[in-house]
Amino acid sequence: MKAALIVCALALGLAGCSEYSRQDRAVGGAAIGAGTGALIGAAATGTGTGALVGGLIGAGTGAIIGAETTPRACWARDAYGNRYRVQCP
Protein backbone atom coordinates (compact mmCIF):
# COMPACT_ATOMS: atom_id res chain seq x y z
CA MET A 1 0.00 0.00 0.00
CA LYS A 2 2.89 2.36 0.76
CA ALA A 3 4.33 1.77 -2.70
CA ALA A 4 1.01 2.67 -4.31
CA LEU A 5 0.81 5.91 -2.34
CA ILE A 6 4.37 6.81 -3.31
CA VAL A 7 3.64 6.16 -6.98
CA CYS A 8 0.50 8.32 -6.81
CA ALA A 9 2.41 11.14 -5.13
CA LEU A 10 5.09 11.01 -7.82
CA ALA A 11 2.47 10.99 -10.58
CA LEU A 12 0.78 14.06 -9.10
CA GLY A 13 4.15 15.80 -8.89
CA LEU A 14 4.94 15.03 -12.52
CA ALA A 15 1.52 16.20 -13.63
CA GLY A 16 2.29 19.64 -12.27
CA CYS A 17 5.29 19.88 -14.64
CA SER A 18 3.29 19.76 -17.83
CA GLU A 19 3.02 22.94 -19.86
CA TYR A 20 0.04 23.93 -21.96
CA SER A 21 0.52 21.27 -24.61
CA ARG A 22 -2.52 19.04 -25.13
CA GLN A 23 -0.28 16.00 -25.53
CA ASP A 24 1.60 16.65 -22.30
CA ARG A 25 -1.59 17.13 -20.36
CA ALA A 26 -3.14 14.00 -21.90
CA VAL A 27 -0.13 11.91 -20.82
CA GLY A 28 -0.18 13.40 -17.32
CA GLY A 29 -3.91 12.82 -17.02
CA ALA A 30 -3.55 9.25 -18.23
CA ALA A 31 -0.83 8.54 -15.67
CA ILE A 32 -2.82 9.97 -12.79
CA GLY A 33 -6.04 8.28 -13.97
CA ALA A 34 -4.36 4.90 -14.41
CA GLY A 35 -2.87 4.97 -10.92
CA THR A 36 -6.06 6.13 -9.28
CA GLY A 37 -8.22 3.71 -11.25
CA ALA A 38 -5.95 0.79 -10.41
CA LEU A 39 -6.08 1.64 -6.71
CA ILE A 40 -9.86 1.96 -6.72
CA GLY A 41 -10.31 -1.19 -8.81
CA ALA A 42 -8.06 -3.21 -6.52
CA ALA A 43 -9.75 -1.87 -3.38
CA ALA A 44 -13.24 -2.51 -4.74
CA THR A 45 -12.68 -6.04 -6.04
CA GLY A 46 -9.58 -7.28 -4.24
CA THR A 47 -8.26 -8.85 -7.45
CA GLY A 48 -5.62 -8.07 -10.03
CA THR A 49 -8.24 -8.06 -12.76
CA GLY A 50 -10.16 -5.33 -10.99
CA ALA A 51 -6.97 -3.28 -10.71
CA LEU A 52 -6.24 -3.79 -14.42
CA VAL A 53 -9.73 -2.82 -15.53
CA GLY A 54 -9.78 0.17 -13.18
CA GLY A 55 -6.37 1.27 -14.47
CA LEU A 56 -7.46 1.05 -18.10
CA ILE A 57 -10.67 2.97 -17.50
CA GLY A 58 -8.84 5.56 -15.41
CA ALA A 59 -6.12 6.02 -18.04
CA GLY A 60 -8.64 6.63 -20.82
CA THR A 61 -10.72 9.01 -18.76
CA GLY A 62 -7.66 10.87 -17.44
CA ALA A 63 -6.23 11.33 -20.94
CA ILE A 64 -9.48 12.80 -22.23
CA ILE A 65 -9.92 15.13 -19.26
CA GLY A 66 -6.27 16.19 -19.33
CA ALA A 67 -6.36 17.07 -23.02
CA GLU A 68 -9.68 18.89 -22.87
CA THR A 69 -8.78 21.05 -19.87
CA THR A 70 -5.74 22.56 -21.58
CA PRO A 71 -5.79 26.36 -21.30
CA ARG A 72 -6.19 28.01 -24.70
CA ALA A 73 -4.49 31.32 -23.92
CA CYS A 74 -0.84 31.00 -24.98
CA TRP A 75 1.57 33.91 -24.98
CA ALA A 76 4.94 34.51 -26.61
CA ARG A 77 7.44 37.36 -26.64
CA ASP A 78 8.82 39.13 -29.68
CA ALA A 79 12.43 40.26 -30.17
CA TYR A 80 11.72 43.39 -28.09
CA GLY A 81 10.20 41.53 -25.13
CA ASN A 82 6.59 42.46 -25.88
CA ARG A 83 4.01 39.78 -25.14
CA TYR A 84 1.50 38.70 -27.76
CA ARG A 85 -1.10 35.94 -28.02
CA VAL A 86 -0.29 32.90 -30.19
CA GLN A 87 -2.05 29.70 -31.24
CA CYS A 88 -1.53 27.04 -28.58
CA PRO A 89 0.21 23.81 -29.71
PDB file of N, CA and C in Angstrom:
ATOM      1  N   MET A   1       0.819  -1.186   0.000  1.00  0.00           N
ATOM      2  CA  MET A   1       0.000   0.000   0.000  1.00  0.00           C
ATOM      3  C   MET A   1       0.870   1.261   0.000  1.00  0.00           C
ATOM      4  N   LYS A   2       2.005   1.205   0.740  1.00  0.00           N
ATOM      5  CA  LYS A   2       2.894   2.363   0.760  1.00  0.00           C
ATOM      6  C   LYS A   2       3.448   2.655  -0.629  1.00  0.00           C
ATOM      7  N   ALA A   3       3.786   1.590  -1.349  1.00  0.00           N
ATOM      8  CA  ALA A   3       4.332   1.775  -2.696  1.00  0.00           C
ATOM      9  C   ALA A   3       3.312   2.452  -3.606  1.00  0.00           C
ATOM     10  N   ALA A   4       2.053   2.068  -3.482  1.00  0.00           N
ATOM     11  CA  ALA A   4       1.015   2.671  -4.310  1.00  0.00           C
ATOM     12  C   ALA A   4       0.848   4.150  -3.985  1.00  0.00           C
ATOM     13  N   LEU A   5       0.928   4.509  -2.722  1.00  0.00           N
ATOM     14  CA  LEU A   5       0.809   5.909  -2.344  1.00  0.00           C
ATOM     15  C   LEU A   5       2.002   6.724  -2.841  1.00  0.00           C
ATOM     16  N   ILE A   6       3.186   6.122  -2.805  1.00  0.00           N
ATOM     17  CA  ILE A   6       4.375   6.813  -3.306  1.00  0.00           C
ATOM     18  C   ILE A   6       4.261   7.041  -4.803  1.00  0.00           C
ATOM     19  N   VAL A   7       3.803   6.030  -5.536  1.00  0.00           N
ATOM     20  CA  VAL A   7       3.641   6.160  -6.980  1.00  0.00           C
ATOM     21  C   VAL A   7       2.616   7.246  -7.307  1.00  0.00           C
ATOM     22  N   CYS A   8       1.521   7.282  -6.579  1.00  0.00           N
ATOM     23  CA  CYS A   8       0.501   8.318  -6.812  1.00  0.00           C
ATOM     24  C   CYS A   8       1.052   9.710  -6.512  1.00  0.00           C
ATOM     25  N   ALA A   9       1.827   9.838  -5.458  1.00  0.00           N
ATOM     26  CA  ALA A   9       2.408  11.139  -5.125  1.00  0.00           C
ATOM     27  C   ALA A   9       3.376  11.587  -6.211  1.00  0.00           C
ATOM     28  N   LEU A  10       4.175  10.669  -6.738  1.00  0.00           N
ATOM     29  CA  LEU A  10       5.094  11.009  -7.821  1.00  0.00           C
ATOM     30  C   LEU A  10       4.333  11.392  -9.091  1.00  0.00           C
ATOM     31  N   ALA A  11       3.261  10.677  -9.389  1.00  0.00           N
ATOM     32  CA  ALA A  11       2.471  10.992 -10.584  1.00  0.00           C
ATOM     33  C   ALA A  11       1.846  12.380 -10.470  1.00  0.00           C
ATOM     34  N   LEU A  12       1.355  12.726  -9.289  1.00  0.00           N
ATOM     35  CA  LEU A  12       0.781  14.056  -9.103  1.00  0.00           C
ATOM     36  C   LEU A  12       1.855  15.133  -9.240  1.00  0.00           C
ATOM     37  N   GLY A  13       3.055  14.850  -8.747  1.00  0.00           N
ATOM     38  CA  GLY A  13       4.148  15.802  -8.887  1.00  0.00           C
ATOM     39  C   GLY A  13       4.555  16.006 -10.329  1.00  0.00           C
ATOM     40  N   LEU A  14       4.599  14.919 -11.100  1.00  0.00           N
ATOM     41  CA  LEU A  14       4.944  15.029 -12.515  1.00  0.00           C
ATOM     42  C   LEU A  14       3.852  15.725 -13.310  1.00  0.00           C
ATOM     43  N   ALA A  15       2.619  15.561 -12.906  1.00  0.00           N
ATOM     44  CA  ALA A  15       1.520  16.197 -13.625  1.00  0.00           C
ATOM     45  C   ALA A  15       1.601  17.714 -13.512  1.00  0.00           C
ATOM     46  N   GLY A  16       2.143  18.206 -12.429  1.00  0.00           N
ATOM     47  CA  GLY A  16       2.292  19.641 -12.269  1.00  0.00           C
ATOM     48  C   GLY A  16       3.353  20.234 -13.183  1.00  0.00           C
ATOM     49  N   CYS A  17       4.203  19.394 -13.782  1.00  0.00           N
ATOM     50  CA  CYS A  17       5.288  19.879 -14.635  1.00  0.00           C
ATOM     51  C   CYS A  17       4.847  20.107 -16.080  1.00  0.00           C
ATOM     52  N   SER A  18       3.691  19.642 -16.434  1.00  0.00           N
ATOM     53  CA  SER A  18       3.289  19.761 -17.835  1.00  0.00           C
ATOM     54  C   SER A  18       2.954  21.204 -18.182  1.00  0.00           C
ATOM     55  N   GLU A  19       3.298  21.591 -19.383  1.00  0.00           N
ATOM     56  CA  GLU A  19       3.017  22.937 -19.864  1.00  0.00           C
ATOM     57  C   GLU A  19       1.596  22.971 -20.411  1.00  0.00           C
ATOM     58  N   TYR A  20       1.375  23.800 -21.405  1.00  0.00           N
ATOM     59  CA  TYR A  20       0.037  23.933 -21.957  1.00  0.00           C
ATOM     60  C   TYR A  20      -0.151  23.132 -23.233  1.00  0.00           C
ATOM     61  N   SER A  21       0.655  22.132 -23.450  1.00  0.00           N
ATOM     62  CA  SER A  21       0.516  21.268 -24.610  1.00  0.00           C
ATOM     63  C   SER A  21      -0.571  20.228 -24.338  1.00  0.00           C
ATOM     64  N   ARG A  22      -1.451  20.041 -25.298  1.00  0.00           N
ATOM     65  CA  ARG A  22      -2.520  19.045 -25.135  1.00  0.00           C
ATOM     66  C   ARG A  22      -1.953  17.652 -24.937  1.00  0.00           C
ATOM     67  N   GLN A  23      -0.876  17.326 -25.644  1.00  0.00           N
ATOM     68  CA  GLN A  23      -0.277  16.001 -25.534  1.00  0.00           C
ATOM     69  C   GLN A  23       0.322  15.776 -24.144  1.00  0.00           C
ATOM     70  N   ASP A  24       1.013  16.781 -23.631  1.00  0.00           N
ATOM     71  CA  ASP A  24       1.605  16.654 -22.299  1.00  0.00           C
ATOM     72  C   ASP A  24       0.525  16.469 -21.238  1.00  0.00           C
ATOM     73  N   ARG A  25      -0.524  17.238 -21.349  1.00  0.00           N
ATOM     74  CA  ARG A  25      -1.592  17.132 -20.360  1.00  0.00           C
ATOM     75  C   ARG A  25      -2.353  15.823 -20.494  1.00  0.00           C
ATOM     76  N   ALA A  26      -2.476  15.294 -21.710  1.00  0.00           N
ATOM     77  CA  ALA A  26      -3.137  14.001 -21.895  1.00  0.00           C
ATOM     78  C   ALA A  26      -2.317  12.890 -21.256  1.00  0.00           C
ATOM     79  N   VAL A  27      -0.998  12.936 -21.424  1.00  0.00           N
ATOM     80  CA  VAL A  27      -0.131  11.913 -20.821  1.00  0.00           C
ATOM     81  C   VAL A  27      -0.169  12.008 -19.300  1.00  0.00           C
ATOM     82  N   GLY A  28      -0.100  13.225 -18.773  1.00  0.00           N
ATOM     83  CA  GLY A  28      -0.177  13.404 -17.323  1.00  0.00           C
ATOM     84  C   GLY A  28      -1.511  12.933 -16.763  1.00  0.00           C
ATOM     85  N   GLY A  29      -2.585  13.270 -17.457  1.00  0.00           N
ATOM     86  CA  GLY A  29      -3.912  12.825 -17.018  1.00  0.00           C
ATOM     87  C   GLY A  29      -4.063  11.322 -17.079  1.00  0.00           C
ATOM     88  N   ALA A  30      -3.487  10.707 -18.110  1.00  0.00           N
ATOM     89  CA  ALA A  30      -3.552   9.248 -18.229  1.00  0.00           C
ATOM     90  C   ALA A  30      -2.785   8.579 -17.101  1.00  0.00           C
ATOM     91  N   ALA A  31      -1.627   9.128 -16.749  1.00  0.00           N
ATOM     92  CA  ALA A  31      -0.833   8.541 -15.669  1.00  0.00           C
ATOM     93  C   ALA A  31      -1.558   8.638 -14.329  1.00  0.00           C
ATOM     94  N   ILE A  32      -2.103   9.800 -14.056  1.00  0.00           N
ATOM     95  CA  ILE A  32      -2.823   9.974 -12.795  1.00  0.00           C
ATOM     96  C   ILE A  32      -4.085   9.107 -12.779  1.00  0.00           C
ATOM     97  N   GLY A  33      -4.817   9.086 -13.889  1.00  0.00           N
ATOM     98  CA  GLY A  33      -6.041   8.284 -13.969  1.00  0.00           C
ATOM     99  C   GLY A  33      -5.777   6.796 -13.852  1.00  0.00           C
ATOM    100  N   ALA A  34      -4.691   6.328 -14.478  1.00  0.00           N
ATOM    101  CA  ALA A  34      -4.363   4.902 -14.407  1.00  0.00           C
ATOM    102  C   ALA A  34      -4.029   4.490 -12.980  1.00  0.00           C
ATOM    103  N   GLY A  35      -3.224   5.297 -12.306  1.00  0.00           N
ATOM    104  CA  GLY A  35      -2.873   4.968 -10.920  1.00  0.00           C
ATOM    105  C   GLY A  35      -4.067   4.987 -10.003  1.00  0.00           C
ATOM    106  N   THR A  36      -4.880   6.012 -10.133  1.00  0.00           N
ATOM    107  CA  THR A  36      -6.062   6.127  -9.283  1.00  0.00           C
ATOM    108  C   THR A  36      -7.067   5.023  -9.588  1.00  0.00           C
ATOM    109  N   GLY A  37      -7.285   4.768 -10.873  1.00  0.00           N
ATOM    110  CA  GLY A  37      -8.220   3.712 -11.251  1.00  0.00           C
ATOM    111  C   GLY A  37      -7.769   2.344 -10.786  1.00  0.00           C
ATOM    112  N   ALA A  38      -6.463   2.085 -10.868  1.00  0.00           N
ATOM    113  CA  ALA A  38      -5.947   0.793 -10.406  1.00  0.00           C
ATOM    114  C   ALA A  38      -6.131   0.630  -8.902  1.00  0.00           C
ATOM    115  N   LEU A  39      -5.888   1.704  -8.161  1.00  0.00           N
ATOM    116  CA  LEU A  39      -6.083   1.636  -6.708  1.00  0.00           C
ATOM    117  C   LEU A  39      -7.550   1.403  -6.351  1.00  0.00           C
ATOM    118  N   ILE A  40      -8.434   2.121  -7.015  1.00  0.00           N
ATOM    119  CA  ILE A  40      -9.858   1.962  -6.718  1.00  0.00           C
ATOM    120  C   ILE A  40     -10.345   0.588  -7.151  1.00  0.00           C
ATOM    121  N   GLY A  41      -9.902   0.132  -8.337  1.00  0.00           N
ATOM    122  CA  GLY A  41     -10.308  -1.193  -8.808  1.00  0.00           C
ATOM    123  C   GLY A  41      -9.827  -2.306  -7.903  1.00  0.00           C
ATOM    124  N   ALA A  42      -8.593  -2.186  -7.423  1.00  0.00           N
ATOM    125  CA  ALA A  42      -8.059  -3.207  -6.521  1.00  0.00           C
ATOM    126  C   ALA A  42      -8.769  -3.180  -5.175  1.00  0.00           C
ATOM    127  N   ALA A  43      -9.062  -1.982  -4.673  1.00  0.00           N
ATOM    128  CA  ALA A  43      -9.747  -1.874  -3.384  1.00  0.00           C
ATOM    129  C   ALA A  43     -11.186  -2.373  -3.472  1.00  0.00           C
ATOM    130  N   ALA A  44     -11.830  -2.128  -4.606  1.00  0.00           N
ATOM    131  CA  ALA A  44     -13.241  -2.515  -4.743  1.00  0.00           C
ATOM    132  C   ALA A  44     -13.414  -4.016  -4.946  1.00  0.00           C
ATOM    133  N   THR A  45     -12.505  -4.626  -5.721  1.00  0.00           N
ATOM    134  CA  THR A  45     -12.681  -6.043  -6.035  1.00  0.00           C
ATOM    135  C   THR A  45     -11.723  -6.960  -5.283  1.00  0.00           C
ATOM    136  N   GLY A  46     -10.559  -6.439  -4.915  1.00  0.00           N
ATOM    137  CA  GLY A  46      -9.576  -7.280  -4.238  1.00  0.00           C
ATOM    138  C   GLY A  46      -8.839  -8.223  -5.175  1.00  0.00           C
ATOM    139  N   THR A  47      -8.934  -7.982  -6.479  1.00  0.00           N
ATOM    140  CA  THR A  47      -8.265  -8.852  -7.451  1.00  0.00           C
ATOM    141  C   THR A  47      -7.388  -8.023  -8.382  1.00  0.00           C
ATOM    142  N   GLY A  48      -6.467  -8.719  -9.036  1.00  0.00           N
ATOM    143  CA  GLY A  48      -5.624  -8.066 -10.025  1.00  0.00           C
ATOM    144  C   GLY A  48      -6.404  -7.643 -11.257  1.00  0.00           C
ATOM    145  N   THR A  49      -7.421  -8.413 -11.598  1.00  0.00           N
ATOM    146  CA  THR A  49      -8.242  -8.065 -12.757  1.00  0.00           C
ATOM    147  C   THR A  49      -8.990  -6.754 -12.522  1.00  0.00           C
ATOM    148  N   GLY A  50      -9.480  -6.576 -11.324  1.00  0.00           N
ATOM    149  CA  GLY A  50     -10.163  -5.326 -10.986  1.00  0.00           C
ATOM    150  C   GLY A  50      -9.218  -4.138 -11.069  1.00  0.00           C
ATOM    151  N   ALA A  51      -7.972  -4.346 -10.622  1.00  0.00           N
ATOM    152  CA  ALA A  51      -6.975  -3.280 -10.707  1.00  0.00           C
ATOM    153  C   ALA A  51      -6.647  -2.964 -12.162  1.00  0.00           C
ATOM    154  N   LEU A  52      -6.545  -3.994 -12.991  1.00  0.00           N
ATOM    155  CA  LEU A  52      -6.242  -3.791 -14.416  1.00  0.00           C
ATOM    156  C   LEU A  52      -7.365  -3.044 -15.119  1.00  0.00           C
ATOM    157  N   VAL A  53      -8.582  -3.474 -14.897  1.00  0.00           N
ATOM    158  CA  VAL A  53      -9.732  -2.815 -15.526  1.00  0.00           C
ATOM    159  C   VAL A  53      -9.859  -1.376 -15.029  1.00  0.00           C
ATOM    160  N   GLY A  54      -9.707  -1.180 -13.729  1.00  0.00           N
ATOM    161  CA  GLY A  54      -9.777   0.174 -13.178  1.00  0.00           C
ATOM    162  C   GLY A  54      -8.682   1.064 -13.736  1.00  0.00           C
ATOM    163  N   GLY A  55      -7.481   0.509 -13.898  1.00  0.00           N
ATOM    164  CA  GLY A  55      -6.371   1.268 -14.472  1.00  0.00           C
ATOM    165  C   GLY A  55      -6.622   1.661 -15.909  1.00  0.00           C
ATOM    166  N   LEU A  56      -7.171   0.757 -16.690  1.00  0.00           N
ATOM    167  CA  LEU A  56      -7.460   1.055 -18.095  1.00  0.00           C
ATOM    168  C   LEU A  56      -8.549   2.118 -18.231  1.00  0.00           C
ATOM    169  N   ILE A  57      -9.594   1.978 -17.457  1.00  0.00           N
ATOM    170  CA  ILE A  57     -10.673   2.969 -17.502  1.00  0.00           C
ATOM    171  C   ILE A  57     -10.169   4.321 -17.015  1.00  0.00           C
ATOM    172  N   GLY A  58      -9.386   4.321 -15.939  1.00  0.00           N
ATOM    173  CA  GLY A  58      -8.840   5.559 -15.406  1.00  0.00           C
ATOM    174  C   GLY A  58      -7.889   6.242 -16.374  1.00  0.00           C
ATOM    175  N   ALA A  59      -7.063   5.452 -17.076  1.00  0.00           N
ATOM    176  CA  ALA A  59      -6.117   6.024 -18.036  1.00  0.00           C
ATOM    177  C   ALA A  59      -6.852   6.697 -19.188  1.00  0.00           C
ATOM    178  N   GLY A  60      -7.868   6.045 -19.720  1.00  0.00           N
ATOM    179  CA  GLY A  60      -8.637   6.631 -20.818  1.00  0.00           C
ATOM    180  C   GLY A  60      -9.356   7.895 -20.404  1.00  0.00           C
ATOM    181  N   THR A  61      -9.992   7.842 -19.249  1.00  0.00           N
ATOM    182  CA  THR A  61     -10.716   9.009 -18.758  1.00  0.00           C
ATOM    183  C   THR A  61      -9.764  10.154 -18.430  1.00  0.00           C
ATOM    184  N   GLY A  62      -8.639   9.840 -17.791  1.00  0.00           N
ATOM    185  CA  GLY A  62      -7.662  10.866 -17.441  1.00  0.00           C
ATOM    186  C   GLY A  62      -7.058  11.534 -18.657  1.00  0.00           C
ATOM    187  N   ALA A  63      -6.793  10.753 -19.714  1.00  0.00           N
ATOM    188  CA  ALA A  63      -6.232  11.330 -20.940  1.00  0.00           C
ATOM    189  C   ALA A  63      -7.213  12.301 -21.593  1.00  0.00           C
ATOM    190  N   ILE A  64      -8.467  11.928 -21.629  1.00  0.00           N
ATOM    191  CA  ILE A  64      -9.482  12.802 -22.231  1.00  0.00           C
ATOM    192  C   ILE A  64      -9.629  14.083 -21.421  1.00  0.00           C
ATOM    193  N   ILE A  65      -9.747  13.947 -20.112  1.00  0.00           N
ATOM    194  CA  ILE A  65      -9.924  15.129 -19.265  1.00  0.00           C
ATOM    195  C   ILE A  65      -8.684  16.018 -19.310  1.00  0.00           C
ATOM    196  N   GLY A  66      -7.500  15.408 -19.277  1.00  0.00           N
ATOM    197  CA  GLY A  66      -6.271  16.189 -19.329  1.00  0.00           C
ATOM    198  C   GLY A  66      -6.141  16.989 -20.612  1.00  0.00           C
ATOM    199  N   ALA A  67      -6.476  16.372 -21.738  1.00  0.00           N
ATOM    200  CA  ALA A  67      -6.362  17.066 -23.022  1.00  0.00           C
ATOM    201  C   ALA A  67      -7.404  18.161 -23.161  1.00  0.00           C
ATOM    202  N   GLU A  68      -8.603  17.917 -22.680  1.00  0.00           N
ATOM    203  CA  GLU A  68      -9.683  18.887 -22.866  1.00  0.00           C
ATOM    204  C   GLU A  68      -9.642  20.051 -21.894  1.00  0.00           C
ATOM    205  N   THR A  69      -8.865  19.946 -20.823  1.00  0.00           N
ATOM    206  CA  THR A  69      -8.780  21.049 -19.869  1.00  0.00           C
ATOM    207  C   THR A  69      -7.543  21.906 -20.097  1.00  0.00           C
ATOM    208  N   THR A  70      -6.915  21.764 -21.256  1.00  0.00           N
ATOM    209  CA  THR A  70      -5.736  22.564 -21.581  1.00  0.00           C
ATOM    210  C   THR A  70      -6.142  24.018 -21.787  1.00  0.00           C
ATOM    211  N   PRO A  71      -5.479  24.945 -21.085  1.00  0.00           N
ATOM    212  CA  PRO A  71      -5.791  26.364 -21.304  1.00  0.00           C
ATOM    213  C   PRO A  71      -5.502  26.768 -22.746  1.00  0.00           C
ATOM    214  N   ARG A  72      -6.323  27.617 -23.294  1.00  0.00           N
ATOM    215  CA  ARG A  72      -6.193  28.011 -24.698  1.00  0.00           C
ATOM    216  C   ARG A  72      -5.493  29.359 -24.879  1.00  0.00           C
ATOM    217  N   ALA A  73      -5.118  30.005 -23.813  1.00  0.00           N
ATOM    218  CA  ALA A  73      -4.488  31.318 -23.915  1.00  0.00           C
ATOM    219  C   ALA A  73      -2.976  31.162 -23.816  1.00  0.00           C
ATOM    220  N   CYS A  74      -2.294  31.115 -24.951  1.00  0.00           N
ATOM    221  CA  CYS A  74      -0.840  31.000 -24.976  1.00  0.00           C
ATOM    222  C   CYS A  74      -0.228  32.343 -25.354  1.00  0.00           C
ATOM    223  N   TRP A  75       0.893  32.639 -24.741  1.00  0.00           N
ATOM    224  CA  TRP A  75       1.568  33.905 -24.976  1.00  0.00           C
ATOM    225  C   TRP A  75       3.001  33.649 -25.393  1.00  0.00           C
ATOM    226  N   ALA A  76       3.538  34.556 -26.188  1.00  0.00           N
ATOM    227  CA  ALA A  76       4.939  34.514 -26.609  1.00  0.00           C
ATOM    228  C   ALA A  76       5.494  35.920 -26.509  1.00  0.00           C
ATOM    229  N   ARG A  77       6.794  36.042 -26.671  1.00  0.00           N
ATOM    230  CA  ARG A  77       7.445  37.359 -26.642  1.00  0.00           C
ATOM    231  C   ARG A  77       8.177  37.579 -27.956  1.00  0.00           C
ATOM    232  N   ASP A  78       8.095  38.803 -28.459  1.00  0.00           N
ATOM    233  CA  ASP A  78       8.817  39.132 -29.685  1.00  0.00           C
ATOM    234  C   ASP A  78      10.261  39.518 -29.352  1.00  0.00           C
ATOM    235  N   ALA A  79      11.006  39.932 -30.348  1.00  0.00           N
ATOM    236  CA  ALA A  79      12.428  40.257 -30.165  1.00  0.00           C
ATOM    237  C   ALA A  79      12.630  41.412 -29.193  1.00  0.00           C
ATOM    238  N   TYR A  80      11.617  42.233 -28.984  1.00  0.00           N
ATOM    239  CA  TYR A  80      11.719  43.387 -28.091  1.00  0.00           C
ATOM    240  C   TYR A  80      11.179  43.108 -26.686  1.00  0.00           C
ATOM    241  N   GLY A  81      10.723  41.890 -26.450  1.00  0.00           N
ATOM    242  CA  GLY A  81      10.204  41.529 -25.135  1.00  0.00           C
ATOM    243  C   GLY A  81       8.728  41.790 -24.941  1.00  0.00           C
ATOM    244  N   ASN A  82       8.031  42.212 -25.983  1.00  0.00           N
ATOM    245  CA  ASN A  82       6.595  42.464 -25.880  1.00  0.00           C
ATOM    246  C   ASN A  82       5.830  41.151 -25.970  1.00  0.00           C
ATOM    247  N   ARG A  83       4.831  41.003 -25.125  1.00  0.00           N
ATOM    248  CA  ARG A  83       4.009  39.784 -25.143  1.00  0.00           C
ATOM    249  C   ARG A  83       2.917  39.897 -26.195  1.00  0.00           C
ATOM    250  N   TYR A  84       2.633  38.758 -26.840  1.00  0.00           N
ATOM    251  CA  TYR A  84       1.503  38.704 -27.760  1.00  0.00           C
ATOM    252  C   TYR A  84       0.919  37.295 -27.741  1.00  0.00           C
ATOM    253  N   ARG A  85      -0.374  37.209 -28.050  1.00  0.00           N
ATOM    254  CA  ARG A  85      -1.097  35.941 -28.021  1.00  0.00           C
ATOM    255  C   ARG A  85      -0.794  35.121 -29.264  1.00  0.00           C
ATOM    256  N   VAL A  86      -0.583  33.818 -29.081  1.00  0.00           N
ATOM    257  CA  VAL A  86      -0.292  32.903 -30.190  1.00  0.00           C
ATOM    258  C   VAL A  86      -1.220  31.699 -30.110  1.00  0.00           C
ATOM    259  N   GLN A  87      -1.282  30.953 -31.180  1.00  0.00           N
ATOM    260  CA  GLN A  87      -2.049  29.700 -31.244  1.00  0.00           C
ATOM    261  C   GLN A  87      -1.360  28.666 -30.351  1.00  0.00           C
ATOM    262  N   CYS A  88      -2.111  28.049 -29.461  1.00  0.00           N
ATOM    263  CA  CYS A  88      -1.533  27.037 -28.578  1.00  0.00           C
ATOM    264  C   CYS A  88      -1.238  25.762 -29.374  1.00  0.00           C
ATOM    265  N   PRO A  89      -0.144  25.067 -28.993  1.00  0.00           N
ATOM    266  CA  PRO A  89       0.213  23.815 -29.705  1.00  0.00           C
ATOM    267  C   PRO A  89      -0.766  22.701 -29.431  1.00  0.00           C
TER     268      PRO A  89
END
